Amino acid sequence: AFLPNSPAVALSPGSARVILQTPNKVSLTEARNARRAESSSARRMTSDVPEASTPSTSAKERERINNALSKIYSLAGILSAFSWIATAYVALSFHPDPKFADCTLRHNVLTMSQAFAFPLPVAWAAFEALRRCAGNRATLNSSTGRRLNLGVAAASLWLAASAMFPPAFAFGYDLYSRRHKLASSVIHGATGTVALLLALRSTSSLGRIVREILDSLWNSGPKSNDRNGSAYATGAAGLLYFSIQPVVSPYPLATIPTILGKRLSRPASAFTLLGAVLAYCLKESSADGVDDGEEGAARATLRKGLAWGTTGHLCLILAKIIGLDGGGLILPGRGLWEVYPAMIAVPFAAGVSFVVHAILCFGAWTEEGADDNALRP
């Protein structure tokens, strides 16, 4: 065929077929390329999605973090306990005052036992309850978990300061080596910092924590008398007062309620404060009726710690009053008046402290509807 006004071009039949079929082939190729591009884009989008966003991987990641927190609480509790045991041994295994230089081994053992009887069960209960709460992030971020973290933080930071600057907390006595000061202050300081950060992480702002602390102070009364809520409320208020008294009072009033003399009464007030926090948590959970899950297990742990801690404290006080340390109100001798002059000098404060611990002991051991098997060691 010839086109007008153009050079003559001869087309063969095969060439004509190519020209006629080209538009269809072009459209099919474009469609095929478009489908390949869409498939490649979909594969890229799928590959860009991280594995952690899938439900199974996310759950595993949360479980891994919770297990790590549980181990941190366990390790912090063990190290804090060993640090306090070493501190009490160094401070109370001998008396630096020449007036009491002839104290017998029996007296030193009873005094060291007083430093362990209440602090160790209370500290164990706090760390163990937090370890149980760490298994569920919602429980750890609850009001109970936040209070326990704040209580551990305050107690640990106080112990760290008392270990680093002993004369300021022990009426001028400086009984520890440089290594002991450094090790104890690092252990308690790190524990307190971690607990404080976890408490802050569980809430939206620092202001909310301040408001919760103030609310706790103003709502220290029992919500109801169910499950010994009134006993826990009374014990929490009493222990809070006796955690402040050694800090602001002169000797001999500063030795109440721990009866650890000038050397360790003020540092030991950290455990009195921690006991107040435990009692307050029990008071709150008594009204809420918490028995199941991680919170129920944590409540049983707090109850056990207070039960055994107050029992040990009261038994040692009674032993000293009876006269097991060289004489007292029943056994012959002048030991009670000679080696415990501070306690004898402030009988009213000592008596009130005894009553507060007795109320808490009664509440923890006689709670209605609770499983008494949970109190077994």
Protein backbone atom coordinates (compact mmCIF):
# COMPACT_ATOMS: atom_id res chain seq x y z
CA ALA A 1 0.00 0.00 0.00
CA PHE A 2 1.09 3.54 -0.65
CA LEU A 3 0.38 6.55 1.60
CA PRO A 4 -0.31 9.81 -0.13
CA ASN A 5 2.39 12.49 -0.04
CA SER A 6 4.92 10.08 1.55
CA PRO A 7 7.72 7.88 0.27
CA ALA A 8 6.57 4.60 -1.01
CA VAL A 9 7.06 1.85 1.50
CA ALA A 10 6.25 -1.73 0.75
CA LEU A 11 4.99 -3.80 3.62
CA SER A 12 5.03 -7.49 3.67
CA PRO A 13 2.09 -9.46 5.11
CA GLY A 14 4.17 -10.44 8.16
CA SER A 15 5.11 -6.87 8.91
CA ALA A 16 1.52 -5.84 8.72
CA ARG A 17 0.58 -8.43 11.30
CA VAL A 18 3.27 -7.14 13.67
CA ILE A 19 2.01 -3.61 13.39
CA LEU A 20 -1.60 -4.61 13.98
CA GLN A 21 -0.76 -6.80 16.99
CA THR A 22 1.60 -4.34 18.74
CA PRO A 23 -1.09 -2.36 20.61
CA ASN A 24 -2.48 -5.51 22.31
CA LYS A 25 0.95 -6.73 23.26
CA VAL A 26 1.86 -3.36 24.78
CA SER A 27 -1.30 -3.26 26.90
CA LEU A 28 -0.76 -6.80 28.17
CA THR A 29 2.88 -6.05 29.07
CA GLU A 30 1.89 -2.95 31.01
CA ALA A 31 -0.72 -4.86 32.99
CA ARG A 32 1.76 -7.62 33.75
CA ASN A 33 4.39 -5.11 34.91
CA ALA A 34 1.81 -3.33 37.10
CA ARG A 35 0.87 -6.59 38.80
CA ARG A 36 4.53 -7.37 39.44
CA ALA A 37 5.07 -3.89 40.94
CA GLU A 38 2.07 -4.30 43.26
CA SER A 39 3.27 -7.72 44.39
CA SER A 40 6.79 -6.40 45.04
CA SER A 41 5.41 -3.42 46.99
CA ALA A 42 3.24 -5.71 49.10
CA ARG A 43 6.24 -7.92 49.88
CA ARG A 44 8.29 -4.87 50.90
CA MET A 45 5.50 -3.60 53.18
CA THR A 46 5.20 -7.02 54.79
CA SER A 47 8.93 -7.29 55.35
CA ASP A 48 9.02 -3.82 56.94
CA VAL A 49 6.64 -4.86 59.76
CA PRO A 50 8.71 -5.82 62.89
CA GLU A 51 8.12 -9.20 64.43
CA ALA A 52 7.47 -7.64 67.85
CA SER A 53 4.18 -6.22 66.58
CA THR A 54 2.67 -9.66 66.25
CA PRO A 55 0.67 -10.73 69.32
CA SER A 56 2.77 -13.80 70.11
CA THR A 57 6.11 -11.95 69.90
CA SER A 58 4.78 -8.99 71.91
CA ALA A 59 3.58 -11.32 74.67
CA LYS A 60 6.96 -13.03 74.77
CA GLU A 61 8.70 -9.66 75.03
CA ARG A 62 6.48 -8.61 77.95
CA GLU A 63 7.10 -11.93 79.67
CA ARG A 64 10.84 -11.48 79.23
CA ILE A 65 10.72 -8.00 80.76
CA ASN A 66 8.55 -9.18 83.66
CA ASN A 67 10.94 -12.05 84.39
CA ALA A 68 13.86 -9.63 84.36
CA LEU A 69 12.06 -7.34 86.84
CA SER A 70 11.32 -10.29 89.11
CA LYS A 71 15.00 -11.24 89.13
CA ILE A 72 16.01 -7.64 89.85
CA TYR A 73 13.70 -7.51 92.88
CA SER A 74 15.01 -10.85 94.16
CA LEU A 75 18.64 -9.80 93.77
CA ALA A 76 18.02 -6.40 95.35
CA GLY A 77 16.27 -8.01 98.33
CA ILE A 78 19.11 -10.49 98.91
CA LEU A 79 21.85 -7.87 98.65
CA SER A 80 19.96 -5.43 100.89
CA ALA A 81 19.46 -8.12 103.53
CA PHE A 82 23.14 -9.11 103.53
CA SER A 83 24.17 -5.47 103.70
CA TRP A 84 21.97 -4.84 106.74
CA ILE A 85 23.16 -8.03 108.45
CA ALA A 86 26.80 -6.99 107.96
CA THR A 87 26.06 -3.47 109.20
CA ALA A 88 24.28 -4.72 112.32
CA TYR A 89 27.07 -7.19 113.08
CA VAL A 90 29.80 -4.55 112.83
CA ALA A 91 27.86 -1.98 114.86
CA LEU A 92 26.44 -4.24 117.56
CA SER A 93 29.04 -7.00 118.07
CA PHE A 94 30.86 -4.71 120.51
CA HIS A 95 30.12 -1.45 122.32
CA PRO A 96 32.41 1.53 121.70
CA ASP A 97 31.35 3.24 124.96
CA PRO A 98 33.75 2.21 127.77
CA LYS A 99 30.79 2.26 130.13
CA PHE A 100 29.38 -0.81 128.34
CA ALA A 101 32.70 -2.38 127.34
CA ASP A 102 32.10 -5.38 129.58
CA CYS A 103 28.78 -6.37 127.96
CA THR A 104 28.54 -10.13 127.62
CA LEU A 105 28.15 -12.11 124.41
CA ARG A 106 24.57 -12.80 125.51
CA HIS A 107 23.80 -9.07 125.44
CA ASN A 108 25.41 -8.59 122.02
CA VAL A 109 23.50 -11.55 120.59
CA LEU A 110 20.19 -10.25 121.94
CA THR A 111 20.87 -6.78 120.56
CA MET A 112 21.80 -8.10 117.11
CA SER A 113 18.70 -10.30 117.17
CA GLN A 114 16.64 -7.16 117.81
CA ALA A 115 18.18 -5.65 114.67
CA PHE A 116 17.10 -8.69 112.64
CA ALA A 117 13.74 -9.65 114.17
CA PHE A 118 11.56 -6.93 112.63
CA PRO A 119 13.66 -5.49 109.74
CA LEU A 120 14.42 -8.74 107.89
CA PRO A 121 10.85 -10.15 107.69
CA VAL A 122 9.47 -6.75 106.70
CA ALA A 123 12.12 -6.22 104.02
CA TRP A 124 11.60 -9.75 102.71
CA ALA A 125 7.84 -9.19 102.49
CA ALA A 126 8.24 -5.93 100.56
CA PHE A 127 10.68 -7.34 97.99
CA GLU A 128 8.82 -10.63 97.63
CA ALA A 129 5.49 -8.85 97.12
CA LEU A 130 7.07 -6.66 94.43
CA ARG A 131 8.58 -9.73 92.80
CA ARG A 132 5.13 -11.30 92.61
CA CYS A 133 3.60 -8.08 91.28
CA ALA A 134 6.26 -7.93 88.56
CA GLY A 135 4.64 -10.94 86.90
CA ASN A 136 1.81 -8.65 85.78
CA ARG A 137 2.59 -5.12 84.64
CA ALA A 138 -0.88 -3.88 85.58
CA THR A 139 -0.43 -5.15 89.15
CA LEU A 140 3.04 -3.59 89.44
CA ASN A 141 1.62 -0.27 88.22
CA SER A 142 -1.31 -0.42 90.63
CA SER A 143 -1.54 1.70 93.78
CA THR A 144 -0.21 -1.18 95.90
CA GLY A 145 2.80 -1.72 93.66
CA ARG A 146 3.51 2.00 93.55
CA ARG A 147 3.30 2.34 97.35
CA LEU A 148 5.64 -0.61 97.87
CA ASN A 149 8.15 0.78 95.38
CA LEU A 150 8.06 4.18 97.07
CA GLY A 151 8.46 2.57 100.50
CA VAL A 152 11.45 0.51 99.34
CA ALA A 153 12.95 3.59 97.68
CA ALA A 154 12.64 5.75 100.80
CA ALA A 155 13.99 3.04 103.12
CA SER A 156 16.89 2.13 100.82
CA LEU A 157 17.98 5.71 100.21
CA TRP A 158 17.88 6.38 103.97
CA LEU A 159 20.04 3.30 104.59
CA ALA A 160 22.44 4.40 101.85
CA ALA A 161 22.87 7.81 103.46
CA SER A 162 23.34 6.30 106.92
CA ALA A 163 26.00 3.92 105.55
CA MET A 164 27.91 6.70 103.79
CA PHE A 165 27.73 9.21 106.66
CA PRO A 166 27.48 7.16 109.88
CA PRO A 167 28.37 9.93 112.38
CA ALA A 168 25.35 11.95 111.26
CA PHE A 169 23.05 9.00 112.03
CA ALA A 170 24.79 7.40 115.03
CA PHE A 171 25.39 10.29 117.42
CA GLY A 172 28.99 10.70 116.23
CA TYR A 173 30.01 7.04 116.11
CA ASP A 174 31.96 5.97 113.00
CA LEU A 175 32.32 2.19 113.21
CA TYR A 176 32.60 1.02 109.60
CA SER A 177 35.52 0.62 107.24
CA ARG A 178 35.72 2.54 103.98
CA ARG A 179 34.93 -0.60 101.98
CA HIS A 180 31.88 -1.32 104.12
CA LYS A 181 30.59 2.22 103.67
CA LEU A 182 31.07 2.09 99.91
CA ALA A 183 29.52 -1.37 99.44
CA SER A 184 26.47 -0.69 101.64
CA SER A 185 25.81 2.75 100.18
CA VAL A 186 26.06 1.43 96.60
CA ILE A 187 23.73 -1.53 97.30
CA HIS A 188 21.07 0.51 99.08
CA GLY A 189 21.46 3.49 96.77
CA ALA A 190 21.05 1.41 93.62
CA THR A 191 18.06 -0.42 95.12
CA GLY A 192 16.38 2.83 96.08
CA THR A 193 17.01 4.41 92.69
CA VAL A 194 15.58 1.45 90.76
CA ALA A 195 12.50 1.31 93.00
CA LEU A 196 11.95 5.06 92.62
CA LEU A 197 12.26 4.91 88.83
CA LEU A 198 9.78 2.03 88.65
CA ALA A 199 7.36 3.97 90.86
CA LEU A 200 7.66 7.02 88.60
CA ARG A 201 7.26 4.84 85.50
CA SER A 202 3.95 3.51 86.80
CA THR A 203 2.25 6.89 86.75
CA SER A 204 1.87 9.81 84.41
CA SER A 205 3.56 12.48 86.51
CA LEU A 206 5.45 13.19 89.70
CA GLY A 207 2.57 15.37 90.84
CA ARG A 208 0.26 12.38 90.95
CA ILE A 209 2.66 10.56 93.28
CA VAL A 210 2.79 13.57 95.60
CA ARG A 211 -1.00 13.74 95.64
CA GLU A 212 -1.27 10.02 96.39
CA ILE A 213 1.16 10.37 99.32
CA LEU A 214 -0.85 13.27 100.74
CA ASP A 215 -4.10 11.35 100.21
CA SER A 216 -2.62 8.38 102.07
CA LEU A 217 -1.72 10.59 105.02
CA TRP A 218 -5.19 12.08 105.22
CA ASN A 219 -6.95 8.74 104.61
CA SER A 220 -4.96 6.70 107.10
CA GLY A 221 -8.13 5.63 108.92
CA PRO A 222 -9.78 2.28 108.15
CA LYS A 223 -12.32 2.16 105.34
CA SER A 224 -14.08 -0.67 107.17
CA ASN A 225 -13.44 -3.08 110.00
CA ASP A 226 -13.53 -6.06 107.68
CA ARG A 227 -10.48 -8.31 107.82
CA ASN A 228 -8.85 -6.31 110.65
CA GLY A 229 -8.69 -3.09 108.66
CA SER A 230 -8.79 -1.04 111.87
CA ALA A 231 -5.80 -2.94 113.29
CA TYR A 232 -3.77 -2.33 110.14
CA ALA A 233 -4.76 1.36 110.10
CA THR A 234 -3.73 1.82 113.73
CA GLY A 235 -0.47 0.00 113.14
CA ALA A 236 0.32 2.02 110.01
CA ALA A 237 -0.23 5.33 111.81
CA GLY A 238 1.77 4.20 114.83
CA LEU A 239 4.73 2.92 112.82
CA LEU A 240 4.75 6.09 110.72
CA TYR A 241 5.06 8.14 113.91
CA PHE A 242 7.80 5.91 115.31
CA SER A 243 9.73 6.09 112.03
CA ILE A 244 9.92 9.89 112.43
CA GLN A 245 10.56 10.03 116.19
CA PRO A 246 14.16 8.67 116.10
CA VAL A 247 15.09 11.15 113.38
CA VAL A 248 13.91 14.31 115.19
CA SER A 249 14.30 13.32 118.84
CA PRO A 250 17.40 13.36 121.05
CA TYR A 251 18.79 10.40 122.95
CA PRO A 252 17.27 8.41 124.69
CA LEU A 253 13.91 8.94 122.93
CA ALA A 254 15.59 8.29 119.57
CA THR A 255 16.19 4.64 120.51
CA ILE A 256 12.44 3.85 120.49
CA PRO A 257 11.05 1.64 118.99
CA THR A 258 14.03 -0.36 117.72
CA ILE A 259 15.96 -0.45 121.06
CA LEU A 260 19.28 -0.43 119.19
CA GLY A 261 20.99 2.35 121.09
CA LYS A 262 22.84 5.29 119.61
CA ARG A 263 24.64 3.18 117.03
CA LEU A 264 21.77 1.86 114.92
CA SER A 265 18.39 3.22 116.06
CA ARG A 266 18.23 6.00 113.49
CA PRO A 267 19.29 3.90 110.49
CA ALA A 268 16.83 1.18 111.56
CA SER A 269 13.94 3.65 111.34
CA ALA A 270 13.97 2.87 107.60
CA PHE A 271 12.45 -0.52 108.37
CA THR A 272 9.89 1.04 110.70
CA LEU A 273 8.76 3.22 107.80
CA LEU A 274 8.66 0.20 105.50
CA GLY A 275 6.51 -1.61 108.07
CA ALA A 276 4.11 1.34 108.05
CA VAL A 277 3.83 1.08 104.25
CA LEU A 278 3.09 -2.65 104.47
CA ALA A 279 0.41 -2.06 107.10
CA TYR A 280 -1.19 0.67 105.00
CA CYS A 281 -1.27 -1.59 101.92
CA LEU A 282 -2.97 -4.28 104.01
CA LYS A 283 -5.47 -1.74 105.30
CA GLU A 284 -6.37 -0.67 101.76
CA SER A 285 -6.61 -4.20 100.39
CA SER A 286 -8.77 -5.25 103.37
CA ALA A 287 -11.48 -2.88 102.20
CA ASP A 288 -11.03 -3.78 98.53
CA GLY A 289 -11.39 -7.52 99.21
CA VAL A 290 -8.32 -8.50 97.18
CA ASP A 291 -7.63 -12.25 97.47
CA ASP A 292 -6.86 -13.61 94.01
CA GLY A 293 -4.13 -13.20 91.43
CA GLU A 294 -0.86 -11.41 91.92
CA GLU A 295 -2.38 -8.83 94.27
CA GLY A 296 -3.82 -11.56 96.47
CA ALA A 297 -0.45 -13.32 96.62
CA ALA A 298 1.26 -10.02 97.41
CA ARG A 299 -1.22 -9.32 100.20
CA ALA A 300 -0.57 -12.73 101.78
CA THR A 301 3.17 -12.03 101.64
CA LEU A 302 2.80 -8.63 103.33
CA ARG A 303 0.66 -10.17 106.06
CA LYS A 304 3.22 -12.90 106.67
CA GLY A 305 6.09 -10.41 106.91
CA LEU A 306 4.28 -8.24 109.44
CA ALA A 307 3.10 -11.23 111.45
CA TRP A 308 6.57 -12.71 111.92
CA GLY A 309 8.32 -9.36 112.22
CA THR A 310 6.11 -8.04 115.00
CA THR A 311 6.16 -11.40 116.77
CA GLY A 312 9.96 -11.50 116.84
CA HIS A 313 10.18 -7.89 117.99
CA LEU A 314 7.70 -8.38 120.82
CA CYS A 315 9.29 -11.63 122.01
CA LEU A 316 12.72 -10.01 122.33
CA ILE A 317 11.31 -7.01 124.19
CA LEU A 318 9.51 -9.32 126.61
CA ALA A 319 12.68 -11.35 127.09
CA LYS A 320 14.60 -8.24 128.08
CA ILE A 321 11.84 -7.06 130.44
CA ILE A 322 11.64 -10.48 132.08
CA GLY A 323 15.38 -10.39 132.64
CA LEU A 324 17.05 -12.83 130.23
CA ASP A 325 19.88 -10.32 129.82
CA GLY A 326 21.21 -10.32 133.35
CA GLY A 327 18.00 -9.73 135.27
CA GLY A 328 14.74 -7.81 135.04
CA LEU A 329 11.23 -7.62 136.43
CA ILE A 330 11.02 -11.39 137.04
CA LEU A 331 14.50 -12.89 136.94
CA PRO A 332 17.01 -11.68 139.55
CA GLY A 333 19.65 -9.14 138.57
CA ARG A 334 20.04 -5.54 137.42
CA GLY A 335 20.58 -6.22 133.73
CA LEU A 336 17.44 -4.45 132.52
CA TRP A 337 18.43 -1.19 134.24
CA GLU A 338 22.16 -1.40 133.56
CA VAL A 339 22.33 -2.38 129.88
CA TYR A 340 19.04 -0.86 128.67
CA PRO A 341 19.05 2.56 130.33
CA ALA A 342 17.55 4.29 127.29
CA MET A 343 14.44 2.11 127.24
CA ILE A 344 13.96 2.54 130.99
CA ALA A 345 14.39 6.31 130.71
CA VAL A 346 11.38 6.70 128.38
CA PRO A 347 8.84 4.13 129.62
CA PHE A 348 5.80 5.84 128.09
CA ALA A 349 7.20 5.89 124.52
CA ALA A 350 8.48 2.33 124.93
CA GLY A 351 5.04 1.20 126.15
CA VAL A 352 3.21 2.87 123.27
CA SER A 353 5.60 1.29 120.79
CA PHE A 354 4.97 -2.12 122.34
CA VAL A 355 1.20 -1.62 122.01
CA VAL A 356 1.46 -0.57 118.34
CA HIS A 357 3.48 -3.67 117.47
CA ALA A 358 1.07 -5.83 119.49
CA ILE A 359 -1.94 -4.45 117.57
CA LEU A 360 -0.28 -5.20 114.25
CA CYS A 361 0.69 -8.66 115.45
CA PHE A 362 -2.89 -9.35 116.49
CA GLY A 363 -4.26 -8.08 113.17
CA ALA A 364 -1.87 -10.13 111.03
CA TRP A 365 -2.40 -13.40 112.92
CA THR A 366 -6.17 -13.21 113.44
CA GLU A 367 -7.49 -11.89 110.14
CA GLU A 368 -10.92 -13.37 109.44
CA GLY A 369 -11.33 -15.33 106.25
CA ALA A 370 -7.59 -15.48 105.59
CA ASP A 371 -5.62 -18.64 104.94
CA ASP A 372 -3.58 -19.32 108.06
CA ASN A 373 -1.35 -21.71 106.11
CA ALA A 374 -0.02 -18.66 104.28
CA LEU A 375 1.66 -17.52 107.51
CA ARG A 376 3.83 -20.59 107.78
CA PRO A 377 7.53 -19.95 107.06
